[in-house]
Amino acid sequence: MNTNQKQKINCSVVSCKYNDVNSKICELSQIEVKACPGCSNGTAEEESMCGNYKHID
């Protein structure tokens, strides 16, 4: 993939303020993927998370 092209960030986390729940697209232009604190079991869905998550106020 050409890194000059914009990527879509698909998201299904309905409690995040940056998620457009109708299109399931993150409204941020970029995100930071972070490791979950205290998780190291080798399962991707349990070890990583979006570092930009903000709960809907």
PDB file of N, CA and C in Angstrom:
ATOM      1  N   MET A   1       0.840  -1.186   0.000  1.00  0.00           N
ATOM      2  CA  MET A   1       0.000   0.000   0.000  1.00  0.00           C
ATOM      3  C   MET A   1       0.884   1.248   0.000  1.00  0.00           C
ATOM      4  N   ASN A   2       0.493   2.195  -0.780  1.00  0.00           N
ATOM      5  CA  ASN A   2       1.195   3.472  -0.824  1.00  0.00           C
ATOM      6  C   ASN A   2       0.864   4.248   0.454  1.00  0.00           C
ATOM      7  N   THR A   3       1.861   4.628   1.239  1.00  0.00           N
ATOM      8  CA  THR A   3       1.612   5.316   2.510  1.00  0.00           C
ATOM      9  C   THR A   3       1.123   6.745   2.329  1.00  0.00           C
ATOM     10  N   ASN A   4       1.127   7.254   1.095  1.00  0.00           N
ATOM     11  CA  ASN A   4       0.593   8.592   0.844  1.00  0.00           C
ATOM     12  C   ASN A   4      -0.929   8.579   0.699  1.00  0.00           C
ATOM     13  N   GLN A   5      -1.506   7.385   0.548  1.00  0.00           N
ATOM     14  CA  GLN A   5      -2.951   7.272   0.434  1.00  0.00           C
ATOM     15  C   GLN A   5      -3.569   7.242   1.824  1.00  0.00           C
ATOM     16  N   LYS A   6      -4.775   7.775   1.933  1.00  0.00           N
ATOM     17  CA  LYS A   6      -5.462   7.762   3.222  1.00  0.00           C
ATOM     18  C   LYS A   6      -6.137   6.416   3.430  1.00  0.00           C
ATOM     19  N   GLN A   7      -6.084   5.933   4.642  1.00  0.00           N
ATOM     20  CA  GLN A   7      -6.736   4.690   4.998  1.00  0.00           C
ATOM     21  C   GLN A   7      -8.025   4.985   5.749  1.00  0.00           C
ATOM     22  N   LYS A   8      -8.965   4.075   5.677  1.00  0.00           N
ATOM     23  CA  LYS A   8     -10.158   4.163   6.506  1.00  0.00           C
ATOM     24  C   LYS A   8      -9.883   3.396   7.786  1.00  0.00           C
ATOM     25  N   ILE A   9     -10.376   3.911   8.880  1.00  0.00           N
ATOM     26  CA  ILE A   9     -10.267   3.209  10.147  1.00  0.00           C
ATOM     27  C   ILE A   9     -11.666   2.715  10.494  1.00  0.00           C
ATOM     28  N   ASN A  10     -11.915   1.438  10.274  1.00  0.00           N
ATOM     29  CA  ASN A  10     -13.209   0.860  10.602  1.00  0.00           C
ATOM     30  C   ASN A  10     -13.291   0.649  12.104  1.00  0.00           C
ATOM     31  N   CYS A  11     -14.454   0.921  12.664  1.00  0.00           N
ATOM     32  CA  CYS A  11     -14.620   0.819  14.112  1.00  0.00           C
ATOM     33  C   CYS A  11     -16.040   0.400  14.449  1.00  0.00           C
ATOM     34  N   SER A  12     -16.165  -0.537  15.364  1.00  0.00           N
ATOM     35  CA  SER A  12     -17.489  -0.976  15.803  1.00  0.00           C
ATOM     36  C   SER A  12     -17.703  -0.724  17.293  1.00  0.00           C
ATOM     37  N   VAL A  13     -16.871   0.126  17.892  1.00  0.00           N
ATOM     38  CA  VAL A  13     -16.994   0.452  19.317  1.00  0.00           C
ATOM     39  C   VAL A  13     -18.008   1.588  19.458  1.00  0.00           C
ATOM     40  N   VAL A  14     -19.238   1.240  19.748  1.00  0.00           N
ATOM     41  CA  VAL A  14     -20.312   2.238  19.770  1.00  0.00           C
ATOM     42  C   VAL A  14     -20.184   3.235  20.915  1.00  0.00           C
ATOM     43  N   SER A  15     -19.414   2.921  21.942  1.00  0.00           N
ATOM     44  CA  SER A  15     -19.256   3.843  23.072  1.00  0.00           C
ATOM     45  C   SER A  15     -18.152   4.875  22.860  1.00  0.00           C
ATOM     46  N   CYS A  16     -17.426   4.804  21.738  1.00  0.00           N
ATOM     47  CA  CYS A  16     -16.347   5.762  21.475  1.00  0.00           C
ATOM     48  C   CYS A  16     -16.893   7.004  20.793  1.00  0.00           C
ATOM     49  N   LYS A  17     -16.506   8.168  21.287  1.00  0.00           N
ATOM     50  CA  LYS A  17     -17.011   9.427  20.739  1.00  0.00           C
ATOM     51  C   LYS A  17     -16.526   9.702  19.323  1.00  0.00           C
ATOM     52  N   TYR A  18     -15.464   9.036  18.875  1.00  0.00           N
ATOM     53  CA  TYR A  18     -14.922   9.252  17.536  1.00  0.00           C
ATOM     54  C   TYR A  18     -15.521   8.316  16.483  1.00  0.00           C
ATOM     55  N   ASN A  19     -16.349   7.378  16.897  1.00  0.00           N
ATOM     56  CA  ASN A  19     -16.930   6.418  15.972  1.00  0.00           C
ATOM     57  C   ASN A  19     -18.246   6.941  15.401  1.00  0.00           C
ATOM     58  N   ASP A  20     -18.347   6.962  14.079  1.00  0.00           N
ATOM     59  CA  ASP A  20     -19.620   7.242  13.423  1.00  0.00           C
ATOM     60  C   ASP A  20     -20.372   5.915  13.388  1.00  0.00           C
ATOM     61  N   VAL A  21     -21.333   5.757  14.272  1.00  0.00           N
ATOM     62  CA  VAL A  21     -22.007   4.466  14.428  1.00  0.00           C
ATOM     63  C   VAL A  21     -22.800   4.062  13.192  1.00  0.00           C
ATOM     64  N   ASN A  22     -23.200   5.016  12.362  1.00  0.00           N
ATOM     65  CA  ASN A  22     -23.949   4.680  11.149  1.00  0.00           C
ATOM     66  C   ASN A  22     -23.050   4.053  10.090  1.00  0.00           C
ATOM     67  N   SER A  23     -21.870   4.620   9.900  1.00  0.00           N
ATOM     68  CA  SER A  23     -20.954   4.094   8.884  1.00  0.00           C
ATOM     69  C   SER A  23     -19.907   3.153   9.470  1.00  0.00           C
ATOM     70  N   LYS A  24     -19.796   3.099  10.805  1.00  0.00           N
ATOM     71  CA  LYS A  24     -18.782   2.300  11.500  1.00  0.00           C
ATOM     72  C   LYS A  24     -17.375   2.686  11.060  1.00  0.00           C
ATOM     73  N   ILE A  25     -17.156   4.003  10.918  1.00  0.00           N
ATOM     74  CA  ILE A  25     -15.856   4.557  10.533  1.00  0.00           C
ATOM     75  C   ILE A  25     -15.392   5.515  11.623  1.00  0.00           C
ATOM     76  N   CYS A  26     -14.124   5.392  12.010  1.00  0.00           N
ATOM     77  CA  CYS A  26     -13.536   6.311  12.978  1.00  0.00           C
ATOM     78  C   CYS A  26     -13.374   7.674  12.323  1.00  0.00           C
ATOM     79  N   GLU A  27     -13.730   8.728  13.028  1.00  0.00           N
ATOM     80  CA  GLU A  27     -13.649  10.082  12.487  1.00  0.00           C
ATOM     81  C   GLU A  27     -12.254  10.697  12.633  1.00  0.00           C
ATOM     82  N   LEU A  28     -11.335  10.035  13.321  1.00  0.00           N
ATOM     83  CA  LEU A  28      -9.966  10.532  13.441  1.00  0.00           C
ATOM     84  C   LEU A  28      -9.180  10.225  12.176  1.00  0.00           C
ATOM     85  N   SER A  29      -8.210  11.053  11.847  1.00  0.00           N
ATOM     86  CA  SER A  29      -7.391  10.822  10.657  1.00  0.00           C
ATOM     87  C   SER A  29      -6.318   9.763  10.905  1.00  0.00           C
ATOM     88  N   GLN A  30      -5.997   9.533  12.172  1.00  0.00           N
ATOM     89  CA  GLN A  30      -5.047   8.483  12.538  1.00  0.00           C
ATOM     90  C   GLN A  30      -5.309   8.076  13.973  1.00  0.00           C
ATOM     91  N   ILE A  31      -4.871   6.877  14.317  1.00  0.00           N
ATOM     92  CA  ILE A  31      -4.993   6.394  15.692  1.00  0.00           C
ATOM     93  C   ILE A  31      -3.662   5.805  16.132  1.00  0.00           C
ATOM     94  N   GLU A  32      -3.523   5.616  17.430  1.00  0.00           N
ATOM     95  CA  GLU A  32      -2.358   4.924  17.979  1.00  0.00           C
ATOM     96  C   GLU A  32      -2.861   3.622  18.590  1.00  0.00           C
ATOM     97  N   VAL A  33      -2.304   2.506  18.137  1.00  0.00           N
ATOM     98  CA  VAL A  33      -2.646   1.207  18.704  1.00  0.00           C
ATOM     99  C   VAL A  33      -1.688   0.954  19.854  1.00  0.00           C
ATOM    100  N   LYS A  34      -2.260   0.658  21.014  1.00  0.00           N
ATOM    101  CA  LYS A  34      -1.452   0.440  22.217  1.00  0.00           C
ATOM    102  C   LYS A  34      -1.675  -0.960  22.766  1.00  0.00           C
ATOM    103  N   ALA A  35      -0.692  -1.432  23.494  1.00  0.00           N
ATOM    104  CA  ALA A  35      -0.839  -2.709  24.186  1.00  0.00           C
ATOM    105  C   ALA A  35      -1.692  -2.510  25.430  1.00  0.00           C
ATOM    106  N   CYS A  36      -2.537  -3.471  25.721  1.00  0.00           N
ATOM    107  CA  CYS A  36      -3.340  -3.417  26.946  1.00  0.00           C
ATOM    108  C   CYS A  36      -2.424  -3.654  28.137  1.00  0.00           C
ATOM    109  N   PRO A  37      -2.557  -2.841  29.166  1.00  0.00           N
ATOM    110  CA  PRO A  37      -1.720  -3.037  30.348  1.00  0.00           C
ATOM    111  C   PRO A  37      -1.989  -4.389  31.007  1.00  0.00           C
ATOM    112  N   GLY A  38      -0.943  -5.114  31.282  1.00  0.00           N
ATOM    113  CA  GLY A  38      -1.068  -6.387  31.985  1.00  0.00           C
ATOM    114  C   GLY A  38      -1.505  -7.558  31.128  1.00  0.00           C
ATOM    115  N   CYS A  39      -1.620  -7.366  29.821  1.00  0.00           N
ATOM    116  CA  CYS A  39      -2.031  -8.457  28.924  1.00  0.00           C
ATOM    117  C   CYS A  39      -0.815  -8.946  28.150  1.00  0.00           C
ATOM    118  N   SER A  40      -0.588 -10.219  28.191  1.00  0.00           N
ATOM    119  CA  SER A  40       0.501 -10.794  27.391  1.00  0.00           C
ATOM    120  C   SER A  40       0.243 -12.275  27.160  1.00  0.00           C
ATOM    121  N   ASN A  41      -0.943 -12.584  26.613  1.00  0.00           N
ATOM    122  CA  ASN A  41      -1.288 -13.984  26.401  1.00  0.00           C
ATOM    123  C   ASN A  41      -1.174 -14.417  24.949  1.00  0.00           C
ATOM    124  N   GLY A  42      -0.760 -13.511  24.042  1.00  0.00           N
ATOM    125  CA  GLY A  42      -0.575 -13.866  22.643  1.00  0.00           C
ATOM    126  C   GLY A  42      -1.826 -13.767  21.793  1.00  0.00           C
ATOM    127  N   THR A  43      -2.946 -13.339  22.363  1.00  0.00           N
ATOM    128  CA  THR A  43      -4.185 -13.199  21.612  1.00  0.00           C
ATOM    129  C   THR A  43      -4.357 -11.731  21.235  1.00  0.00           C
ATOM    130  N   ALA A  44      -4.347 -11.438  19.921  1.00  0.00           N
ATOM    131  CA  ALA A  44      -4.358 -10.052  19.446  1.00  0.00           C
ATOM    132  C   ALA A  44      -5.521  -9.241  19.992  1.00  0.00           C
ATOM    133  N   GLU A  45      -6.719  -9.799  19.994  1.00  0.00           N
ATOM    134  CA  GLU A  45      -7.882  -9.035  20.459  1.00  0.00           C
ATOM    135  C   GLU A  45      -7.844  -8.735  21.950  1.00  0.00           C
ATOM    136  N   GLU A  46      -7.017  -9.436  22.697  1.00  0.00           N
ATOM    137  CA  GLU A  46      -6.895  -9.172  24.125  1.00  0.00           C
ATOM    138  C   GLU A  46      -5.650  -8.357  24.460  1.00  0.00           C
ATOM    139  N   GLU A  47      -4.712  -8.245  23.529  1.00  0.00           N
ATOM    140  CA  GLU A  47      -3.456  -7.551  23.809  1.00  0.00           C
ATOM    141  C   GLU A  47      -3.372  -6.150  23.244  1.00  0.00           C
ATOM    142  N   SER A  48      -4.237  -5.783  22.315  1.00  0.00           N
ATOM    143  CA  SER A  48      -4.136  -4.462  21.698  1.00  0.00           C
ATOM    144  C   SER A  48      -5.444  -3.696  21.824  1.00  0.00           C
ATOM    145  N   MET A  49      -5.315  -2.355  21.787  1.00  0.00           N
ATOM    146  CA  MET A  49      -6.489  -1.501  21.890  1.00  0.00           C
ATOM    147  C   MET A  49      -6.194  -0.155  21.238  1.00  0.00           C
ATOM    148  N   CYS A  50      -7.246   0.591  20.940  1.00  0.00           N
ATOM    149  CA  CYS A  50      -7.077   1.925  20.376  1.00  0.00           C
ATOM    150  C   CYS A  50      -6.688   2.868  21.506  1.00  0.00           C
ATOM    151  N   GLY A  51      -5.554   3.513  21.362  1.00  0.00           N
ATOM    152  CA  GLY A  51      -5.081   4.430  22.385  1.00  0.00           C
ATOM    153  C   GLY A  51      -5.777   5.775  22.378  1.00  0.00           C
ATOM    154  N   ASN A  52      -6.641   6.015  21.387  1.00  0.00           N
ATOM    155  CA  ASN A  52      -7.345   7.292  21.277  1.00  0.00           C
ATOM    156  C   ASN A  52      -8.780   7.225  21.774  1.00  0.00           C
ATOM    157  N   TYR A  53      -9.193   6.084  22.284  1.00  0.00           N
ATOM    158  CA  TYR A  53     -10.582   5.893  22.726  1.00  0.00           C
ATOM    159  C   TYR A  53     -11.003   6.949  23.764  1.00  0.00           C
ATOM    160  N   LYS A  54     -12.143   7.532  23.532  1.00  0.00           N
ATOM    161  CA  LYS A  54     -12.756   8.449  24.496  1.00  0.00           C
ATOM    162  C   LYS A  54     -14.233   8.053  24.596  1.00  0.00           C
ATOM    163  N   HIS A  55     -14.710   7.872  25.817  1.00  0.00           N
ATOM    164  CA  HIS A  55     -16.106   7.496  26.014  1.00  0.00           C
ATOM    165  C   HIS A  55     -17.020   8.661  25.646  1.00  0.00           C
ATOM    166  N   ILE A  56     -18.157   8.346  25.055  1.00  0.00           N
ATOM    167  CA  ILE A  56     -19.136   9.371  24.718  1.00  0.00           C
ATOM    168  C   ILE A  56     -19.596  10.037  26.005  1.00  0.00           C
ATOM    169  N   ASP A  57     -19.562  11.369  26.040  1.00  0.00           N
ATOM    170  CA  ASP A  57     -19.990  12.111  27.234  1.00  0.00           C
ATOM    171  C   ASP A  57     -21.477  12.265  27.280  1.00  0.00           C
TER     172      ASP A  57
END
